[in-house]
Amino acid sequence: MLLASSLKPSLLADSSTGEITGGFRFVSPGFENQKRWKVEGEKAQFLPGDEIEIRPVHGIVYGRNEPDYLIETEWARVHQTTKDIWTDAPVKIIRGNTKVTGLGLRWNTGKKTARIVSQVKMNLDLGEARIQR
């Protein structure tokens, strides 16, 4: 289940637009209260169809309760029922010395899968040697 488990205290909602400012966060607990993933942004807007649009997006996928992957994009929509997170904006995924960038993201948190849609580039920092594919 997708949980909007913590909203920052500075949260301000505009009832005419459904927009929330001041910070927004979704956190999904894993086994034994360990975090599985977290998505947060400065603004969020509730949309029809059980979706929330978040801007800008800072996502973290956890491994053993420690940050494992960082995901950043200008905006994304979260479907509360299916746990899908998607965007057509530029995306950056970082893990250790590896950075993957591209255009668009389809992330299914329930199935633990993520796919960058197009224009994918991967940079590995191996010290002095640099590989770009």
N, C-alpha and C. Protein backbone atom coordinates (compact mmCIF):
# COMPACT_ATOMS: atom_id res chain seq x y z
N MET A 1 0.84 -1.18 0.00
CA MET A 1 0.00 0.00 0.00
C MET A 1 0.88 1.24 0.00
N LEU A 2 0.55 2.20 -0.83
CA LEU A 2 1.29 3.45 -0.92
C LEU A 2 0.86 4.35 0.22
N LEU A 3 1.80 4.81 1.01
CA LEU A 3 1.49 5.61 2.18
C LEU A 3 2.00 7.02 2.04
N ALA A 4 1.14 7.98 2.31
CA ALA A 4 1.59 9.37 2.45
C ALA A 4 1.83 9.52 3.94
N SER A 5 2.95 8.98 4.40
CA SER A 5 3.13 8.82 5.84
C SER A 5 3.59 10.06 6.56
N SER A 6 4.21 11.01 5.84
CA SER A 6 4.61 12.21 6.56
C SER A 6 4.58 13.41 5.65
N LEU A 7 3.89 14.43 6.08
CA LEU A 7 3.84 15.69 5.38
C LEU A 7 4.56 16.71 6.23
N LYS A 8 5.39 17.52 5.61
CA LYS A 8 6.14 18.52 6.37
C LYS A 8 5.18 19.50 7.04
N PRO A 9 5.52 20.02 8.21
CA PRO A 9 4.62 20.91 8.94
C PRO A 9 4.31 22.21 8.20
N SER A 10 5.15 22.62 7.26
CA SER A 10 4.92 23.88 6.56
C SER A 10 3.93 23.72 5.41
N LEU A 11 3.24 22.58 5.35
CA LEU A 11 2.32 22.27 4.29
C LEU A 11 1.23 23.34 4.15
N LEU A 12 1.07 23.85 2.92
CA LEU A 12 0.02 24.80 2.62
C LEU A 12 -0.78 24.27 1.44
N ALA A 13 -2.11 24.22 1.56
CA ALA A 13 -2.94 23.71 0.48
C ALA A 13 -3.81 24.82 -0.08
N ASP A 14 -3.90 24.89 -1.41
CA ASP A 14 -4.77 25.83 -2.10
C ASP A 14 -6.00 25.04 -2.52
N SER A 15 -7.14 25.31 -1.89
CA SER A 15 -8.34 24.52 -2.16
C SER A 15 -8.87 24.71 -3.57
N SER A 16 -8.56 25.83 -4.23
CA SER A 16 -9.08 26.05 -5.59
C SER A 16 -8.32 25.22 -6.63
N THR A 17 -7.04 24.93 -6.40
CA THR A 17 -6.24 24.17 -7.37
C THR A 17 -5.90 22.77 -6.91
N GLY A 18 -6.07 22.48 -5.63
CA GLY A 18 -5.66 21.19 -5.09
C GLY A 18 -4.15 21.07 -4.94
N GLU A 19 -3.44 22.20 -5.04
CA GLU A 19 -1.97 22.17 -4.96
C GLU A 19 -1.50 22.30 -3.53
N ILE A 20 -0.48 21.53 -3.20
CA ILE A 20 0.13 21.56 -1.87
C ILE A 20 1.54 22.11 -2.03
N THR A 21 1.91 23.08 -1.22
CA THR A 21 3.27 23.60 -1.24
C THR A 21 3.87 23.44 0.14
N GLY A 22 5.17 23.58 0.24
CA GLY A 22 5.83 23.47 1.53
C GLY A 22 6.42 22.10 1.79
N GLY A 23 6.28 21.18 0.84
CA GLY A 23 6.90 19.87 0.98
C GLY A 23 5.89 18.75 1.03
N PHE A 24 6.22 17.66 0.37
CA PHE A 24 5.34 16.50 0.29
C PHE A 24 6.20 15.25 0.23
N ARG A 25 5.80 14.19 0.93
CA ARG A 25 6.63 12.98 0.98
C ARG A 25 5.76 11.73 1.03
N PHE A 26 6.12 10.73 0.21
CA PHE A 26 5.57 9.38 0.30
C PHE A 26 6.68 8.47 0.79
N VAL A 27 6.39 7.63 1.77
CA VAL A 27 7.37 6.66 2.26
C VAL A 27 6.68 5.30 2.29
N SER A 28 7.36 4.28 1.74
CA SER A 28 6.82 2.93 1.75
C SER A 28 7.66 2.08 2.70
N PRO A 29 7.05 1.58 3.78
CA PRO A 29 7.82 0.74 4.69
C PRO A 29 8.05 -0.64 4.09
N GLY A 30 9.16 -1.24 4.47
CA GLY A 30 9.48 -2.60 4.04
C GLY A 30 9.28 -3.55 5.20
N PHE A 31 10.03 -4.61 5.18
CA PHE A 31 9.95 -5.61 6.25
C PHE A 31 10.60 -5.07 7.52
N GLU A 32 10.02 -5.43 8.66
CA GLU A 32 10.55 -5.04 9.97
C GLU A 32 10.82 -3.54 10.05
N ASN A 33 9.87 -2.74 9.53
CA ASN A 33 9.93 -1.27 9.57
C ASN A 33 11.12 -0.67 8.84
N GLN A 34 11.74 -1.41 7.93
CA GLN A 34 12.81 -0.84 7.12
C GLN A 34 12.18 -0.16 5.91
N LYS A 35 12.74 0.97 5.52
CA LYS A 35 12.23 1.71 4.37
C LYS A 35 12.52 0.94 3.09
N ARG A 36 11.56 0.96 2.15
CA ARG A 36 11.77 0.39 0.81
C ARG A 36 12.10 1.49 -0.18
N TRP A 37 11.32 2.58 -0.13
CA TRP A 37 11.55 3.70 -1.02
C TRP A 37 10.86 4.94 -0.46
N LYS A 38 11.31 6.08 -0.96
CA LYS A 38 10.73 7.36 -0.53
C LYS A 38 10.73 8.28 -1.74
N VAL A 39 9.64 9.01 -1.94
CA VAL A 39 9.53 10.01 -3.00
C VAL A 39 9.07 11.30 -2.35
N GLU A 40 9.82 12.39 -2.61
CA GLU A 40 9.41 13.67 -2.03
C GLU A 40 9.61 14.80 -3.02
N GLY A 41 8.91 15.89 -2.78
CA GLY A 41 9.01 17.06 -3.64
C GLY A 41 8.57 18.30 -2.90
N GLU A 42 8.77 19.44 -3.53
CA GLU A 42 8.40 20.72 -2.92
C GLU A 42 6.92 21.03 -3.08
N LYS A 43 6.31 20.55 -4.18
CA LYS A 43 4.90 20.79 -4.44
C LYS A 43 4.23 19.50 -4.88
N ALA A 44 2.95 19.40 -4.60
CA ALA A 44 2.16 18.25 -5.06
C ALA A 44 0.77 18.73 -5.40
N GLN A 45 0.16 18.06 -6.36
CA GLN A 45 -1.21 18.39 -6.74
C GLN A 45 -2.00 17.10 -6.91
N PHE A 46 -3.15 17.02 -6.23
CA PHE A 46 -4.01 15.86 -6.36
C PHE A 46 -4.78 15.97 -7.67
N LEU A 47 -4.79 14.89 -8.45
CA LEU A 47 -5.41 14.86 -9.77
C LEU A 47 -6.49 13.80 -9.81
N PRO A 48 -7.41 13.90 -10.78
CA PRO A 48 -8.41 12.84 -10.94
C PRO A 48 -7.72 11.51 -11.25
N GLY A 49 -8.40 10.42 -10.99
CA GLY A 49 -7.85 9.10 -11.31
C GLY A 49 -6.88 8.59 -10.27
N ASP A 50 -6.97 9.08 -9.03
CA ASP A 50 -6.15 8.57 -7.94
C ASP A 50 -4.66 8.85 -8.14
N GLU A 51 -4.33 9.98 -8.83
CA GLU A 51 -2.94 10.33 -9.06
C GLU A 51 -2.56 11.61 -8.32
N ILE A 52 -1.28 11.70 -8.01
CA ILE A 52 -0.71 12.90 -7.40
C ILE A 52 0.50 13.28 -8.24
N GLU A 53 0.56 14.56 -8.66
CA GLU A 53 1.74 15.03 -9.39
C GLU A 53 2.65 15.75 -8.41
N ILE A 54 3.93 15.37 -8.41
CA ILE A 54 4.91 15.93 -7.48
C ILE A 54 5.98 16.65 -8.28
N ARG A 55 6.41 17.84 -7.79
CA ARG A 55 7.44 18.66 -8.47
C ARG A 55 8.37 19.26 -7.44
N PRO A 56 9.64 19.37 -7.68
CA PRO A 56 10.48 18.41 -8.39
C PRO A 56 10.55 17.13 -7.56
N VAL A 57 10.97 16.05 -8.17
CA VAL A 57 10.96 14.74 -7.50
C VAL A 57 12.37 14.35 -7.08
N HIS A 58 12.48 13.93 -5.82
CA HIS A 58 13.70 13.35 -5.27
C HIS A 58 13.29 12.01 -4.69
N GLY A 59 13.74 10.93 -5.32
CA GLY A 59 13.37 9.59 -4.86
C GLY A 59 14.58 8.84 -4.35
N ILE A 60 14.35 8.00 -3.37
CA ILE A 60 15.40 7.14 -2.82
C ILE A 60 14.86 5.72 -2.73
N VAL A 61 15.63 4.76 -3.25
CA VAL A 61 15.32 3.35 -3.08
C VAL A 61 16.32 2.82 -2.07
N TYR A 62 15.82 2.13 -1.05
CA TYR A 62 16.67 1.67 0.04
C TYR A 62 17.05 0.20 -0.11
N GLY A 63 18.25 -0.13 0.31
CA GLY A 63 18.72 -1.50 0.44
C GLY A 63 19.22 -1.64 1.87
N ARG A 64 18.64 -2.55 2.62
CA ARG A 64 19.02 -2.74 4.04
C ARG A 64 18.91 -1.45 4.83
N ASN A 65 17.87 -0.67 4.56
CA ASN A 65 17.54 0.57 5.25
C ASN A 65 18.54 1.70 5.01
N GLU A 66 19.43 1.53 4.04
CA GLU A 66 20.38 2.57 3.64
C GLU A 66 20.06 2.99 2.22
N PRO A 67 20.24 4.26 1.87
CA PRO A 67 19.99 4.69 0.48
C PRO A 67 20.84 3.88 -0.50
N ASP A 68 20.20 3.34 -1.54
CA ASP A 68 20.88 2.53 -2.53
C ASP A 68 20.88 3.22 -3.89
N TYR A 69 19.73 3.73 -4.30
CA TYR A 69 19.59 4.46 -5.56
C TYR A 69 18.97 5.82 -5.28
N LEU A 70 19.43 6.85 -5.99
CA LEU A 70 18.81 8.17 -5.95
C LEU A 70 18.18 8.41 -7.32
N ILE A 71 16.95 8.93 -7.33
CA ILE A 71 16.24 9.20 -8.57
C ILE A 71 15.77 10.64 -8.53
N GLU A 72 16.08 11.41 -9.60
CA GLU A 72 15.67 12.81 -9.66
C GLU A 72 15.04 13.11 -11.01
N THR A 73 13.99 13.93 -10.99
CA THR A 73 13.34 14.41 -12.20
C THR A 73 12.55 15.67 -11.87
N GLU A 74 12.16 16.42 -12.90
CA GLU A 74 11.44 17.67 -12.71
C GLU A 74 10.06 17.46 -12.13
N TRP A 75 9.37 16.40 -12.58
CA TRP A 75 8.03 16.10 -12.10
C TRP A 75 7.75 14.61 -12.31
N ALA A 76 6.81 14.10 -11.56
CA ALA A 76 6.35 12.72 -11.75
C ALA A 76 4.94 12.60 -11.19
N ARG A 77 4.22 11.64 -11.70
CA ARG A 77 2.89 11.33 -11.17
C ARG A 77 2.95 9.99 -10.46
N VAL A 78 2.29 9.94 -9.32
CA VAL A 78 2.22 8.74 -8.50
C VAL A 78 0.77 8.26 -8.50
N HIS A 79 0.54 7.02 -8.91
CA HIS A 79 -0.80 6.43 -8.86
C HIS A 79 -0.90 5.69 -7.53
N GLN A 80 -1.80 6.14 -6.69
CA GLN A 80 -1.86 5.63 -5.32
C GLN A 80 -2.27 4.17 -5.23
N THR A 81 -3.09 3.68 -6.16
CA THR A 81 -3.56 2.30 -6.10
C THR A 81 -2.55 1.32 -6.68
N THR A 82 -2.02 1.62 -7.87
CA THR A 82 -1.12 0.67 -8.55
C THR A 82 0.33 0.81 -8.11
N LYS A 83 0.66 1.89 -7.42
CA LYS A 83 2.03 2.19 -6.97
C LYS A 83 2.95 2.54 -8.13
N ASP A 84 2.39 2.85 -9.29
CA ASP A 84 3.20 3.26 -10.43
C ASP A 84 3.63 4.71 -10.27
N ILE A 85 4.87 5.01 -10.64
CA ILE A 85 5.39 6.37 -10.67
C ILE A 85 5.92 6.57 -12.08
N TRP A 86 5.47 7.66 -12.75
CA TRP A 86 5.90 7.86 -14.13
C TRP A 86 6.11 9.34 -14.43
N THR A 87 6.95 9.58 -15.43
CA THR A 87 7.19 10.92 -15.94
C THR A 87 7.66 10.83 -17.38
N ASP A 88 7.49 11.92 -18.10
CA ASP A 88 8.06 12.04 -19.45
C ASP A 88 9.21 13.05 -19.44
N ALA A 89 9.56 13.56 -18.28
CA ALA A 89 10.63 14.55 -18.13
C ALA A 89 12.01 13.86 -18.10
N PRO A 90 13.09 14.63 -18.24
CA PRO A 90 14.44 14.07 -18.07
C PRO A 90 14.59 13.46 -16.67
N VAL A 91 15.33 12.34 -16.61
CA VAL A 91 15.49 11.57 -15.37
C VAL A 91 16.97 11.30 -15.13
N LYS A 92 17.35 11.28 -13.84
CA LYS A 92 18.71 10.91 -13.45
C LYS A 92 18.60 9.88 -12.33
N ILE A 93 19.31 8.74 -12.50
CA ILE A 93 19.38 7.70 -11.47
C ILE A 93 20.85 7.53 -11.11
N ILE A 94 21.16 7.59 -9.82
CA ILE A 94 22.54 7.49 -9.35
C ILE A 94 22.64 6.35 -8.35
N ARG A 95 23.68 5.53 -8.54
CA ARG A 95 24.01 4.49 -7.56
C ARG A 95 25.53 4.41 -7.49
N GLY A 96 26.08 4.79 -6.37
CA GLY A 96 27.54 4.78 -6.22
C GLY A 96 28.18 5.67 -7.25
N ASN A 97 29.11 5.12 -8.02
CA ASN A 97 29.82 5.87 -9.06
C ASN A 97 29.17 5.76 -10.43
N THR A 98 27.94 5.28 -10.48
CA THR A 98 27.23 5.10 -11.73
C THR A 98 26.08 6.08 -11.83
N LYS A 99 25.97 6.76 -12.96
CA LYS A 99 24.86 7.69 -13.20
C LYS A 99 24.21 7.31 -14.53
N VAL A 100 22.89 7.12 -14.51
CA VAL A 100 22.12 6.82 -15.71
C VAL A 100 21.15 7.97 -15.92
N THR A 101 21.13 8.52 -17.13
CA THR A 101 20.21 9.61 -17.45
C THR A 101 19.40 9.21 -18.67
N GLY A 102 18.26 9.88 -18.85
CA GLY A 102 17.42 9.61 -20.00
C GLY A 102 16.17 10.44 -19.95
N LEU A 103 15.25 10.10 -20.83
CA LEU A 103 13.99 10.83 -20.94
C LEU A 103 12.84 9.90 -20.62
N GLY A 104 12.10 10.23 -19.58
CA GLY A 104 10.94 9.44 -19.18
C GLY A 104 11.30 8.30 -18.24
N LEU A 105 10.37 7.97 -17.35
CA LEU A 105 10.58 6.90 -16.37
C LEU A 105 9.26 6.20 -16.13
N ARG A 106 9.31 4.88 -16.06
CA ARG A 106 8.18 4.06 -15.63
C ARG A 106 8.69 3.21 -14.48
N TRP A 107 8.22 3.51 -13.26
CA TRP A 107 8.71 2.86 -12.05
C TRP A 107 7.53 2.19 -11.36
N ASN A 108 7.56 0.87 -11.26
CA ASN A 108 6.54 0.15 -10.54
C ASN A 108 7.13 -0.29 -9.21
N THR A 109 6.76 0.39 -8.16
CA THR A 109 7.35 0.11 -6.84
C THR A 109 6.90 -1.23 -6.30
N GLY A 110 5.71 -1.68 -6.67
CA GLY A 110 5.23 -2.98 -6.21
C GLY A 110 6.02 -4.13 -6.81
N LYS A 111 6.34 -4.03 -8.09
CA LYS A 111 7.12 -5.07 -8.77
C LYS A 111 8.62 -4.84 -8.66
N LYS A 112 9.02 -3.69 -8.10
CA LYS A 112 10.43 -3.32 -7.94
C LYS A 112 11.14 -3.24 -9.29
N THR A 113 10.47 -2.62 -10.27
CA THR A 113 11.07 -2.43 -11.58
C THR A 113 11.03 -0.95 -11.96
N ALA A 114 12.06 -0.51 -12.68
CA ALA A 114 12.10 0.85 -13.21
C ALA A 114 12.71 0.80 -14.60
N ARG A 115 12.17 1.62 -15.51
CA ARG A 115 12.67 1.65 -16.88
C ARG A 115 12.74 3.09 -17.35
N ILE A 116 13.91 3.50 -17.83
CA ILE A 116 14.03 4.80 -18.48
C ILE A 116 13.57 4.60 -19.91
N VAL A 117 12.69 5.48 -20.39
CA VAL A 117 12.00 5.27 -21.66
C VAL A 117 12.89 5.46 -22.88
N SER A 118 13.67 6.54 -22.94
CA SER A 118 14.47 6.80 -24.15
C SER A 118 15.69 7.66 -23.84
N GLN A 119 16.56 7.80 -24.84
CA GLN A 119 17.76 8.62 -24.76
C GLN A 119 18.62 8.27 -23.54
N VAL A 120 18.80 6.99 -23.29
CA VAL A 120 19.50 6.50 -22.10
C VAL A 120 21.01 6.64 -22.28
N LYS A 121 21.66 7.20 -21.27
CA LYS A 121 23.12 7.28 -21.21
C LYS A 121 23.55 6.82 -19.83
N MET A 122 24.66 6.07 -19.80
CA MET A 122 25.19 5.60 -18.53
C MET A 122 26.64 6.07 -18.40
N ASN A 123 26.96 6.68 -17.27
CA ASN A 123 28.33 7.11 -16.97
C ASN A 123 28.84 6.35 -15.77
N LEU A 124 30.01 5.71 -15.94
CA LEU A 124 30.67 5.01 -14.84
C LEU A 124 31.93 5.78 -14.50
N ASP A 125 32.10 6.13 -13.25
CA ASP A 125 33.32 6.81 -12.83
C ASP A 125 34.24 5.76 -12.21
N LEU A 126 35.30 5.43 -12.93
CA LEU A 126 36.24 4.41 -12.47
C LEU A 126 37.57 5.04 -12.07
N GLY A 127 37.50 6.22 -11.48
CA GLY A 127 38.71 6.93 -11.14
C GLY A 127 39.18 7.73 -12.33
N GLU A 128 40.37 7.41 -12.86
CA GLU A 128 40.91 8.13 -14.00
C GLU A 128 40.24 7.68 -15.31
N ALA A 129 39.85 6.43 -15.39
CA ALA A 129 39.21 5.94 -16.61
C ALA A 129 37.73 6.28 -16.56
N ARG A 130 37.20 6.79 -17.65
CA ARG A 130 35.79 7.14 -17.73
C ARG A 130 35.17 6.44 -18.93
N ILE A 131 34.09 5.72 -18.68
CA ILE A 131 33.40 4.98 -19.73
C ILE A 131 32.03 5.62 -19.91
N GLN A 132 31.66 5.92 -21.14
CA GLN A 132 30.32 6.43 -21.40
C GLN A 132 29.70 5.56 -22.47
N ARG A 133 28.48 5.11 -22.19
CA ARG A 133 27.81 4.24 -23.15
C ARG A 133 26.46 4.80 -23.47
